[in-house]
Amino acid sequence: MATDSSVRVRFAPSPTGKLHIGGARTAIYNWAFARAMGGTFILRIDDTDPTRSTEENTQIILRAMRWLGLDWDEGPEVGGDCGPYWQTECLPIYREAAERLVAEGKAYYCFCSPEKLAADHDAAVARKDPFQGYQRTCRGIDPAEAQARVDAGEPYTIRIKVPLDRGDVIVHDAVHGDVTFNAKELDDFIIFRSDGTPTYNFATVVDDARMGITHIIRGDDHLSNTPRQIMVYEALGAPTPTFAHISMILGTDGKKLSKRHGATSVEEYRDQGFLSDAFVNYLALLGWSLDGETTIIPRDVLASRFSLDHVSKNPAIMDPEKLAWVQQQYIMAMTDEQFSDEVLIPELHAHDLEPVGECLHDAAWYDLLSSVLKPRVTLPSDIFDQVLYLYTDDDELELDEKAVAKWLGKTGAADALTAAREALAAIPDDGWEPAAIEAALEPLPEKLGMGKGKVFQPIRVAVVGGAASPGIGETLALAGKEHVLARIDRALPLAKR
């Protein structure tokens, strides 16, 4: 794929809350496109909503971006030549741009009150006027008169002057193709409010133009804003970027993603223990594919192969089961040491789990436990129940009643435990490892004339507390010889002869 270092894209979240899945996917696509093209990825904070935009929310977004691994080339904390990167710091820039458009005759002051606007709209509806937007009442006011009224302190807004002879507005969209809007349906919309603040459609275009944004990748809920924004680009004399409006993310029921479908913010998935690489991989697949078949796409592949022509226009479905599957693939791809350091040990510390007795586990022990857990774990929270037997004093281990009844209550269970204890006790302390344990126990079923289940399951119940565990060799090796023998001794009185 040809690269183009002139490509400049931006992710511009509003700090009005947490970074949600849809926003995260938008950020991923912008980041990946910039990286694949050898271009520039800009992070901009669109904080013009004074009632909801907070510094705390900005920090939440920055933390989420860092966790996602989406490094930005310009923006907060890194700076750049096109700042400021917070819209609240750009109000003089917006004011100057709006006043310049007024001076050039491309925008004008509007003095219509809310009551006047409502009355004009009702009248247009009553006469069945096909155009029911702003009636351009103030468009013809002499500029000198308008300026005098402004200077006198009369309240006003600033409206863009949509050319009356403007033909259809065609959005050349990289995802949807050409999308046509009838310019006659566009009214002279407000670009500056009476309170002295810019509207979204004006501020975002001024910022994108001054930052040299070449491609705007965003949700398709913004598609309806695009013709108005194109009007602003044209009025400013700025080149119109290439747009790419990506589809909505829906729940498995086909409805807009919401809390009823589960977690919706990046923070929630991070706190559940999802791996950043797995999460980014999965979100990237919600509307984009590498080749229609590949599911596991490492970050470096995403950053080198992402392209807009592989983005689907169809809504994406957020499937928790598919996310869990992707997470599991990434866990299985970790080395035992990685899993131990990044997943296992932090989770053990979170539960204050300490080795039983005098046993201090070494790196090899943790690696063995990691190799056992990886196929059985999706999230760190899956670990606790599976390792609890390793962190419980022998005389405090709870034995599951049903497992005791089923396996220790069978005739021959005591003989099986007795034989197992004798075989295990014979293993040298320095040779206590899975292969030696399995070799010691393997002859017992034939020797006792029992099926494997009748021999091995009573051992599991005695050592683990239940009938489910990984392979018998790994299970006992992890528990340690001293503890295994002590637990068998404790279970023997419960076993049936």
Protein backbone atom coordinates (compact mmCIF):
# COMPACT_ATOMS: atom_id res chain seq x y z
CA MET A 1 0.00 0.00 0.00
CA ALA A 2 1.36 3.39 -1.00
CA THR A 3 2.15 5.73 1.86
CA ASP A 4 1.56 9.46 2.00
CA SER A 5 3.31 11.43 4.73
CA SER A 6 1.06 14.42 4.04
CA VAL A 7 -1.90 12.56 5.56
CA ARG A 8 -3.11 14.25 8.74
CA VAL A 9 -5.98 12.85 10.78
CA ARG A 10 -7.41 13.72 14.15
CA PHE A 11 -9.42 12.21 16.96
CA ALA A 12 -11.38 14.95 18.71
CA PRO A 13 -13.33 13.64 21.72
CA SER A 14 -15.47 15.85 23.92
CA PRO A 15 -14.44 15.42 27.58
CA THR A 16 -18.00 15.05 28.81
CA GLY A 17 -17.56 11.54 30.18
CA LYS A 18 -15.65 8.31 29.70
CA LEU A 19 -14.26 7.16 26.37
CA HIS A 20 -16.87 4.77 25.01
CA ILE A 21 -16.43 1.90 22.60
CA GLY A 22 -17.59 3.84 19.55
CA GLY A 23 -15.14 6.65 20.26
CA ALA A 24 -12.35 4.17 20.92
CA ARG A 25 -12.94 2.48 17.56
CA THR A 26 -12.89 5.88 15.84
CA ALA A 27 -9.58 6.64 17.56
CA ILE A 28 -8.18 3.26 16.50
CA TYR A 29 -9.11 3.80 12.85
CA ASN A 30 -7.59 7.28 12.79
CA TRP A 31 -4.42 6.06 14.50
CA ALA A 32 -4.10 3.00 12.26
CA PHE A 33 -4.71 5.00 9.07
CA ALA A 34 -2.09 7.57 10.04
CA ARG A 35 0.43 4.85 10.87
CA ALA A 36 -0.27 2.85 7.70
CA MET A 37 0.09 5.97 5.54
CA GLY A 38 3.15 7.28 7.36
CA GLY A 39 1.13 10.37 8.27
CA THR A 40 0.30 12.30 11.43
CA PHE A 41 -2.23 11.42 14.14
CA ILE A 42 -3.51 14.38 16.15
CA LEU A 43 -5.43 14.28 19.42
CA ARG A 44 -7.63 17.32 19.98
CA ILE A 45 -9.88 17.97 22.97
CA ASP A 46 -13.21 19.46 21.84
CA ASP A 47 -14.17 20.90 25.21
CA THR A 48 -16.58 23.65 24.18
CA ASP A 49 -19.43 22.29 26.31
CA PRO A 50 -18.75 24.25 29.53
CA THR A 51 -21.37 22.44 31.60
CA ARG A 52 -20.05 18.92 30.95
CA SER A 53 -16.42 19.27 29.86
CA THR A 54 -14.07 18.83 32.80
CA GLU A 55 -10.35 18.40 33.34
CA GLU A 56 -11.09 15.12 35.12
CA ASN A 57 -12.86 13.80 32.03
CA THR A 58 -9.97 14.94 29.86
CA GLN A 59 -7.58 12.92 32.02
CA ILE A 60 -9.90 9.90 31.77
CA ILE A 61 -9.72 10.12 27.98
CA LEU A 62 -5.94 10.51 27.99
CA ARG A 63 -5.55 7.48 30.28
CA ALA A 64 -7.82 5.44 28.02
CA MET A 65 -5.83 6.45 24.94
CA ARG A 66 -2.57 5.49 26.63
CA TRP A 67 -4.01 2.12 27.72
CA LEU A 68 -5.19 1.48 24.16
CA GLY A 69 -1.63 2.20 23.01
CA LEU A 70 -2.77 4.91 20.59
CA ASP A 71 0.18 7.29 20.71
CA TRP A 72 -0.49 10.67 19.14
CA ASP A 73 1.97 12.84 17.25
CA GLU A 74 0.43 16.19 18.17
CA GLY A 75 -1.87 17.20 20.99
CA PRO A 76 -2.01 17.28 24.79
CA GLU A 77 1.25 16.35 26.55
CA VAL A 78 3.24 16.25 23.28
CA GLY A 79 2.50 19.68 21.79
CA GLY A 80 2.89 20.45 18.10
CA ASP A 81 2.94 23.27 15.57
CA CYS A 82 -0.85 23.51 15.19
CA GLY A 83 -1.95 24.18 18.76
CA PRO A 84 -3.81 24.99 20.82
CA TYR A 85 -5.24 21.48 21.01
CA TRP A 86 -8.07 22.40 23.39
CA GLN A 87 -11.01 24.21 21.81
CA THR A 88 -11.57 26.38 24.88
CA GLU A 89 -8.17 27.93 24.17
CA CYS A 90 -9.16 28.73 20.58
CA LEU A 91 -12.07 31.13 21.07
CA PRO A 92 -10.08 34.13 19.72
CA ILE A 93 -9.23 32.06 16.64
CA TYR A 94 -12.90 31.22 16.01
CA ARG A 95 -13.93 34.84 16.58
CA GLU A 96 -11.33 36.12 14.12
CA ALA A 97 -12.40 33.55 11.50
CA ALA A 98 -16.08 34.45 11.86
CA GLU A 99 -15.43 38.19 11.69
CA ARG A 100 -13.29 37.67 8.61
CA LEU A 101 -16.16 35.88 6.89
CA VAL A 102 -18.47 38.78 7.78
CA ALA A 103 -15.96 41.26 6.35
CA GLU A 104 -15.71 39.21 3.16
CA GLY A 105 -19.48 39.08 2.78
CA LYS A 106 -19.59 35.31 3.36
CA ALA A 107 -21.38 35.60 6.70
CA TYR A 108 -23.59 38.20 8.35
CA TYR A 109 -24.97 39.42 11.66
CA CYS A 110 -28.46 38.20 12.51
CA PHE A 111 -30.59 40.07 15.02
CA CYS A 112 -33.67 37.84 14.96
CA SER A 113 -34.96 36.94 18.42
CA PRO A 114 -35.98 33.40 19.29
CA GLU A 115 -39.62 34.54 19.15
CA LYS A 116 -39.12 35.99 15.66
CA LEU A 117 -37.48 32.79 14.45
CA ALA A 118 -40.32 30.66 15.87
CA ALA A 119 -42.98 32.89 14.27
CA ASP A 120 -41.23 32.79 10.87
CA HIS A 121 -40.99 29.00 11.04
CA ASP A 122 -44.66 28.63 11.93
CA ALA A 123 -45.61 30.91 9.06
CA ALA A 124 -43.52 28.85 6.62
CA VAL A 125 -45.23 25.70 7.80
CA ALA A 126 -48.66 27.31 7.51
CA ARG A 127 -48.09 28.38 3.91
CA LYS A 128 -46.56 24.97 3.13
CA ASP A 129 -43.30 26.55 2.06
CA PRO A 130 -40.94 23.76 0.97
CA PHE A 131 -38.11 25.71 2.66
CA GLN A 132 -38.79 25.95 6.38
CA GLY A 133 -35.36 26.91 7.66
CA TYR A 134 -34.18 30.37 8.58
CA GLN A 135 -35.91 32.82 6.26
CA ARG A 136 -32.76 34.93 5.74
CA THR A 137 -34.45 37.96 7.28
CA CYS A 138 -31.17 39.68 8.15
CA ARG A 139 -29.22 38.63 5.08
CA GLY A 140 -30.00 41.82 3.21
CA ILE A 141 -29.21 44.28 6.00
CA ASP A 142 -26.62 46.81 4.91
CA PRO A 143 -23.27 45.84 6.49
CA ALA A 144 -22.75 49.34 7.88
CA GLU A 145 -26.16 49.27 9.55
CA ALA A 146 -25.50 45.80 10.93
CA GLN A 147 -22.16 46.89 12.37
CA ALA A 148 -23.76 49.92 13.98
CA ARG A 149 -26.36 47.72 15.65
CA VAL A 150 -23.62 45.42 16.91
CA ASP A 151 -21.65 48.39 18.22
CA ALA A 152 -24.79 49.62 19.99
CA GLY A 153 -24.93 46.39 21.95
CA GLU A 154 -27.87 44.72 20.20
CA PRO A 155 -27.81 40.93 20.66
CA TYR A 156 -26.82 39.02 17.53
CA THR A 157 -25.65 35.76 16.07
CA ILE A 158 -23.44 35.24 13.05
CA ARG A 159 -24.80 33.15 10.19
CA ILE A 160 -23.00 31.66 7.21
CA LYS A 161 -24.24 32.93 3.87
CA VAL A 162 -25.05 29.83 1.84
CA PRO A 163 -24.77 30.78 -1.87
CA LEU A 164 -28.27 30.83 -3.36
CA ASP A 165 -26.99 29.36 -6.60
CA ARG A 166 -25.01 26.58 -4.88
CA GLY A 167 -25.64 23.28 -6.58
CA ASP A 168 -25.93 19.95 -4.80
CA VAL A 169 -23.43 19.32 -2.04
CA ILE A 170 -21.70 16.06 -2.83
CA VAL A 171 -19.81 14.38 -0.04
CA HIS A 172 -17.09 12.16 -1.46
CA ASP A 173 -17.10 9.58 1.29
CA ALA A 174 -14.45 6.86 1.41
CA VAL A 175 -16.92 4.43 2.99
CA HIS A 176 -20.33 5.33 1.56
CA GLY A 177 -19.24 6.63 -1.83
CA ASP A 178 -20.71 9.88 -3.12
CA VAL A 179 -23.55 11.13 -0.92
CA THR A 180 -25.61 13.97 -2.36
CA PHE A 181 -27.39 16.69 -0.38
CA ASN A 182 -29.69 19.30 -1.88
CA ALA A 183 -28.12 22.68 -1.10
CA LYS A 184 -31.53 24.33 -1.38
CA GLU A 185 -32.46 22.60 1.88
CA LEU A 186 -29.59 24.29 3.72
CA ASP A 187 -30.46 27.49 5.53
CA ASP A 188 -28.02 30.18 6.57
CA PHE A 189 -27.05 28.37 9.74
CA ILE A 190 -25.51 29.96 12.81
CA ILE A 191 -21.74 29.77 13.19
CA PHE A 192 -21.49 32.04 16.26
CA ARG A 193 -24.08 32.11 19.03
CA SER A 194 -25.38 35.19 20.81
CA ASP A 195 -23.37 34.20 23.90
CA GLY A 196 -20.14 34.60 21.95
CA THR A 197 -19.37 30.90 21.46
CA PRO A 198 -18.92 29.09 18.14
CA THR A 199 -21.20 26.28 17.03
CA TYR A 200 -19.79 22.79 16.59
CA ASN A 201 -20.03 22.87 12.79
CA PHE A 202 -17.97 26.05 12.70
CA ALA A 203 -15.37 25.37 15.40
CA THR A 204 -14.54 21.89 14.17
CA VAL A 205 -14.01 23.12 10.60
CA VAL A 206 -11.83 26.06 11.69
CA ASP A 207 -9.71 23.64 13.72
CA ASP A 208 -9.52 21.00 11.01
CA ALA A 209 -8.58 23.64 8.43
CA ARG A 210 -5.85 25.26 10.54
CA MET A 211 -4.45 21.84 11.47
CA GLY A 212 -4.32 20.77 7.84
CA ILE A 213 -6.52 17.71 8.38
CA THR A 214 -6.67 15.72 5.14
CA HIS A 215 -9.01 12.88 6.18
CA ILE A 216 -11.86 12.95 8.67
CA ILE A 217 -12.71 9.49 9.98
CA ARG A 218 -15.70 9.56 12.30
CA GLY A 219 -19.05 7.96 13.07
CA ASP A 220 -21.78 8.12 10.45
CA ASP A 221 -24.00 10.00 12.89
CA HIS A 222 -21.96 13.02 11.73
CA LEU A 223 -22.79 12.49 8.04
CA SER A 224 -25.78 14.86 8.24
CA ASN A 225 -23.45 17.60 9.55
CA THR A 226 -21.09 17.28 6.63
CA PRO A 227 -22.86 19.48 4.01
CA ARG A 228 -22.92 22.39 6.46
CA GLN A 229 -19.27 21.83 7.26
CA ILE A 230 -18.43 21.80 3.57
CA MET A 231 -20.12 25.20 3.32
CA VAL A 232 -17.76 26.47 6.01
CA TYR A 233 -14.69 24.99 4.30
CA GLU A 234 -15.67 26.72 1.08
CA ALA A 235 -16.34 30.03 2.83
CA LEU A 236 -12.95 29.85 4.57
CA GLY A 237 -11.26 29.04 1.27
CA ALA A 238 -9.87 25.85 2.80
CA PRO A 239 -9.59 22.51 0.97
CA THR A 240 -12.30 20.02 1.84
CA PRO A 241 -10.88 16.86 3.47
CA THR A 242 -11.75 13.34 2.45
CA PHE A 243 -14.52 12.04 4.69
CA ALA A 244 -14.94 8.48 5.93
CA HIS A 245 -18.08 7.94 8.00
CA ILE A 246 -17.97 4.63 9.81
CA SER A 247 -21.02 2.65 10.84
CA MET A 248 -22.65 2.49 14.24
CA ILE A 249 -21.89 -0.27 16.71
CA LEU A 250 -24.95 -2.25 17.72
CA GLY A 251 -25.63 -4.80 20.44
CA THR A 252 -26.29 -8.45 19.63
CA ASP A 253 -30.01 -7.61 19.54
CA GLY A 254 -29.42 -5.20 16.66
CA LYS A 255 -30.17 -2.12 18.77
CA LYS A 256 -27.88 0.80 19.53
CA LEU A 257 -25.19 -0.18 22.00
CA SER A 258 -26.03 0.83 25.55
CA LYS A 259 -25.55 -0.20 29.16
CA ARG A 260 -28.11 -2.95 28.80
CA HIS A 261 -25.62 -4.75 26.54
CA GLY A 262 -22.91 -4.64 29.22
CA ALA A 263 -19.80 -2.50 29.55
CA THR A 264 -19.65 0.45 27.16
CA SER A 265 -16.53 2.38 28.21
CA VAL A 266 -12.87 1.60 27.67
CA GLU A 267 -12.21 1.88 31.40
CA GLU A 268 -14.67 -0.89 32.19
CA TYR A 269 -12.96 -3.33 29.84
CA ARG A 270 -9.53 -2.33 31.13
CA ASP A 271 -10.66 -2.90 34.72
CA GLN A 272 -12.12 -6.29 33.83
CA GLY A 273 -8.65 -7.35 32.75
CA PHE A 274 -8.87 -7.35 28.97
CA LEU A 275 -5.49 -7.10 27.30
CA SER A 276 -5.00 -3.84 25.43
CA ASP A 277 -3.78 -5.56 22.27
CA ALA A 278 -6.72 -7.97 22.26
CA PHE A 279 -9.22 -5.17 22.84
CA VAL A 280 -7.77 -3.02 20.05
CA ASN A 281 -7.72 -6.04 17.74
CA TYR A 282 -11.39 -6.76 18.43
CA LEU A 283 -12.59 -3.15 18.07
CA ALA A 284 -10.70 -2.83 14.79
CA LEU A 285 -12.75 -5.73 13.43
CA LEU A 286 -16.02 -3.91 14.15
CA GLY A 287 -16.40 -2.54 10.64
CA TRP A 288 -13.03 -3.34 9.06
CA SER A 289 -11.29 -6.46 7.88
CA LEU A 290 -7.82 -7.24 6.68
CA ASP A 291 -8.80 -9.80 4.08
CA GLY A 292 -12.24 -11.07 5.06
CA GLU A 293 -10.80 -14.07 6.91
CA THR A 294 -8.03 -13.10 9.33
CA THR A 295 -9.27 -12.49 12.86
CA ILE A 296 -6.12 -12.13 14.93
CA ILE A 297 -4.42 -8.96 13.76
CA PRO A 298 -1.43 -7.86 15.85
CA ARG A 299 -1.01 -4.16 16.45
CA ASP A 300 1.94 -3.87 14.06
CA VAL A 301 -0.07 -5.47 11.26
CA LEU A 302 -3.01 -3.14 11.95
CA ALA A 303 -0.64 -0.17 11.86
CA SER A 304 0.84 -1.21 8.52
CA ARG A 305 -2.14 -2.71 6.67
CA PHE A 306 -5.16 -0.62 7.66
CA SER A 307 -6.96 0.98 4.74
CA LEU A 308 -10.25 2.83 4.33
CA ASP A 309 -11.31 0.73 1.35
CA HIS A 310 -11.76 -2.24 3.68
CA VAL A 311 -14.13 -0.40 6.00
CA SER A 312 -17.72 -1.64 5.79
CA LYS A 313 -20.73 0.66 5.58
CA ASN A 314 -22.89 -1.88 7.43
CA PRO A 315 -23.49 -1.59 11.19
CA ALA A 316 -21.12 -3.61 13.37
CA ILE A 317 -22.23 -5.95 16.15
CA MET A 318 -20.51 -5.86 19.53
CA ASP A 319 -20.35 -9.55 20.46
CA PRO A 320 -18.97 -10.22 23.97
CA GLU A 321 -18.35 -13.88 23.12
CA LYS A 322 -16.22 -12.96 20.11
CA LEU A 323 -14.30 -10.45 22.23
CA ALA A 324 -13.69 -13.15 24.84
CA TRP A 325 -12.45 -15.51 22.09
CA VAL A 326 -10.00 -12.89 20.80
CA GLN A 327 -8.80 -12.28 24.34
CA GLN A 328 -8.23 -16.00 24.81
CA GLN A 329 -6.16 -16.16 21.62
CA TYR A 330 -3.92 -13.40 22.89
CA ILE A 331 -3.55 -15.10 26.26
CA MET A 332 -2.56 -18.37 24.60
CA ALA A 333 0.02 -16.50 22.53
CA MET A 334 1.72 -15.17 25.68
CA THR A 335 4.75 -16.97 27.03
CA ASP A 336 4.30 -18.52 30.46
CA GLU A 337 6.62 -15.87 31.85
CA GLN A 338 4.58 -13.06 30.25
CA PHE A 339 1.33 -14.44 31.58
CA SER A 340 2.86 -14.85 35.01
CA ASP A 341 4.24 -11.31 35.14
CA GLU A 342 1.36 -9.46 33.45
CA VAL A 343 -1.74 -11.41 34.49
CA LEU A 344 -1.21 -14.06 37.15
CA ILE A 345 0.96 -12.37 39.76
CA PRO A 346 -0.92 -9.03 39.69
CA GLU A 347 -4.18 -10.94 40.21
CA LEU A 348 -2.73 -12.96 43.08
CA HIS A 349 -1.53 -9.75 44.71
CA ALA A 350 -4.95 -8.17 44.20
CA HIS A 351 -6.41 -10.96 46.35
CA ASP A 352 -3.52 -10.94 48.84
CA LEU A 353 -2.85 -14.60 48.12
CA GLU A 354 0.38 -15.75 49.72
CA PRO A 355 2.12 -19.16 49.50
CA VAL A 356 0.95 -21.71 52.04
CA GLY A 357 3.27 -22.55 54.91
CA GLU A 358 6.98 -22.12 54.34
CA CYS A 359 6.78 -22.69 50.62
CA LEU A 360 8.27 -19.83 48.58
CA HIS A 361 7.44 -20.35 44.94
CA ASP A 362 10.14 -19.82 42.35
CA ALA A 363 9.86 -18.66 38.72
CA ALA A 364 9.55 -22.24 37.47
CA TRP A 365 6.55 -22.82 39.73
CA TYR A 366 4.81 -19.70 38.46
CA ASP A 367 5.58 -20.68 34.87
CA LEU A 368 4.06 -24.12 35.46
CA LEU A 369 0.95 -22.57 36.98
CA SER A 370 0.75 -20.16 34.04
CA SER A 371 0.95 -23.00 31.52
CA VAL A 372 -1.92 -24.72 33.33
CA LEU A 373 -4.08 -21.62 33.61
CA LYS A 374 -3.70 -20.05 30.15
CA PRO A 375 -6.10 -22.43 28.35
CA ARG A 376 -8.61 -22.02 31.19
CA VAL A 377 -8.58 -18.26 31.66
CA THR A 378 -10.22 -15.45 29.71
CA LEU A 379 -10.04 -12.72 32.33
CA PRO A 380 -7.88 -12.40 35.45
CA SER A 381 -11.01 -12.87 37.54
CA ASP A 382 -11.14 -16.47 36.29
CA ILE A 383 -7.93 -17.24 38.18
CA PHE A 384 -8.99 -17.03 41.81
CA ASP A 385 -11.21 -20.10 42.06
CA GLN A 386 -8.73 -22.21 40.11
CA VAL A 387 -5.77 -21.46 42.36
CA LEU A 388 -7.44 -21.16 45.73
CA TYR A 389 -6.46 -24.74 46.68
CA LEU A 390 -2.81 -23.68 46.36
CA TYR A 391 -3.26 -20.85 48.85
CA THR A 392 -5.32 -22.63 51.51
CA ASP A 393 -3.94 -24.33 54.60
CA ASP A 394 -4.27 -28.10 54.39
CA ASP A 395 -6.63 -28.39 57.34
CA GLU A 396 -8.81 -25.53 56.06
CA LEU A 397 -9.38 -26.83 52.55
CA GLU A 398 -13.11 -27.20 51.96
CA LEU A 399 -14.15 -30.45 50.29
CA ASP A 400 -17.15 -30.23 47.98
CA GLU A 401 -19.92 -32.39 49.45
CA LYS A 402 -21.11 -33.72 46.11
CA ALA A 403 -17.59 -34.60 45.04
CA VAL A 404 -16.95 -36.34 48.36
CA ALA A 405 -20.15 -38.35 48.04
CA LYS A 406 -19.47 -39.29 44.43
CA TRP A 407 -15.79 -40.18 44.61
CA LEU A 408 -14.79 -40.79 48.23
CA GLY A 409 -18.05 -42.57 48.92
CA LYS A 410 -17.38 -45.28 46.35
CA THR A 411 -16.11 -48.68 47.35
CA GLY A 412 -12.36 -48.82 46.91
CA ALA A 413 -11.78 -45.08 47.34
CA ALA A 414 -9.72 -45.67 50.51
CA ASP A 415 -7.61 -48.29 48.75
CA ALA A 416 -6.99 -45.88 45.88
CA LEU A 417 -5.90 -43.08 48.21
CA THR A 418 -3.70 -45.41 50.25
CA ALA A 419 -1.96 -46.74 47.14
CA ALA A 420 -1.57 -43.25 45.73
CA ARG A 421 -0.07 -41.96 48.96
CA GLU A 422 2.47 -44.79 49.03
CA ALA A 423 3.46 -44.20 45.38
CA LEU A 424 3.72 -40.43 45.81
CA ALA A 425 5.68 -40.63 49.05
CA ALA A 426 8.33 -42.66 47.21
CA ILE A 427 9.08 -39.82 44.80
CA PRO A 428 12.27 -37.99 45.87
CA ASP A 429 11.62 -34.47 47.08
CA ASP A 430 13.88 -33.01 44.43
CA GLY A 431 12.09 -35.01 41.74
CA TRP A 432 8.57 -33.77 42.51
CA GLU A 433 7.43 -32.79 39.03
CA PRO A 434 4.47 -33.61 36.74
CA ALA A 435 6.17 -36.38 34.74
CA ALA A 436 7.40 -38.21 37.86
CA ILE A 437 3.99 -37.90 39.53
CA GLU A 438 2.17 -39.27 36.50
CA ALA A 439 4.68 -42.11 36.18
CA ALA A 440 4.15 -43.04 39.83
CA LEU A 441 0.35 -43.04 39.56
CA GLU A 442 -0.03 -44.58 36.11
CA PRO A 443 0.27 -48.27 37.19
CA LEU A 444 -2.30 -47.95 39.99
CA PRO A 445 -5.57 -48.49 38.05
CA GLU A 446 -4.36 -51.83 36.66
CA LYS A 447 -2.76 -52.80 39.95
CA LEU A 448 -5.97 -52.10 41.88
CA GLY A 449 -8.27 -53.40 39.17
CA MET A 450 -10.09 -50.05 38.94
CA GLY A 451 -10.84 -47.56 36.22
CA LYS A 452 -8.66 -44.44 36.06
CA GLY A 453 -11.49 -42.25 37.30
CA LYS A 454 -11.95 -44.28 40.48
CA VAL A 455 -8.25 -43.90 41.24
CA PHE A 456 -7.47 -40.36 40.16
CA GLN A 457 -10.68 -38.56 41.10
CA PRO A 458 -10.44 -39.34 44.84
CA ILE A 459 -6.92 -37.88 44.73
CA ARG A 460 -8.24 -34.70 43.10
CA VAL A 461 -11.01 -34.36 45.67
CA ALA A 462 -8.52 -34.80 48.49
CA VAL A 463 -5.97 -32.31 47.14
CA VAL A 464 -8.10 -29.71 45.34
CA GLY A 465 -11.40 -30.02 47.18
CA GLY A 466 -13.39 -30.92 44.07
CA ALA A 467 -13.38 -33.24 41.10
CA ALA A 468 -12.31 -30.68 38.48
CA SER A 469 -8.69 -29.72 37.95
CA PRO A 470 -6.00 -29.69 35.26
CA GLY A 471 -3.89 -32.79 34.63
CA ILE A 472 -3.18 -34.79 37.78
CA GLY A 473 0.60 -34.38 37.36
CA GLU A 474 0.49 -30.57 37.14
CA THR A 475 -2.13 -30.33 39.89
CA LEU A 476 -0.10 -32.26 42.43
CA ALA A 477 3.23 -30.77 41.37
CA LEU A 478 1.88 -27.29 42.03
CA ALA A 479 0.43 -28.25 45.41
CA GLY A 480 3.76 -29.59 46.64
CA LYS A 481 4.60 -33.03 47.99
CA GLU A 482 4.18 -32.20 51.68
CA HIS A 483 0.71 -30.71 51.15
CA VAL A 484 -0.45 -33.50 48.85
CA LEU A 485 0.41 -36.19 51.39
CA ALA A 486 -1.15 -34.20 54.24
CA ARG A 487 -4.39 -33.71 52.29
CA ILE A 488 -4.61 -37.37 51.36
CA ASP A 489 -4.18 -38.26 55.04
CA ARG A 490 -6.96 -35.84 55.90
CA ALA A 491 -9.34 -37.34 53.31
CA LEU A 492 -8.64 -41.00 54.05
CA PRO A 493 -11.11 -41.24 56.99
CA LEU A 494 -13.85 -40.05 54.63
CA ALA A 495 -13.05 -42.64 51.94
CA LYS A 496 -15.00 -45.87 51.65
CA ARG A 497 -13.18 -49.20 51.76
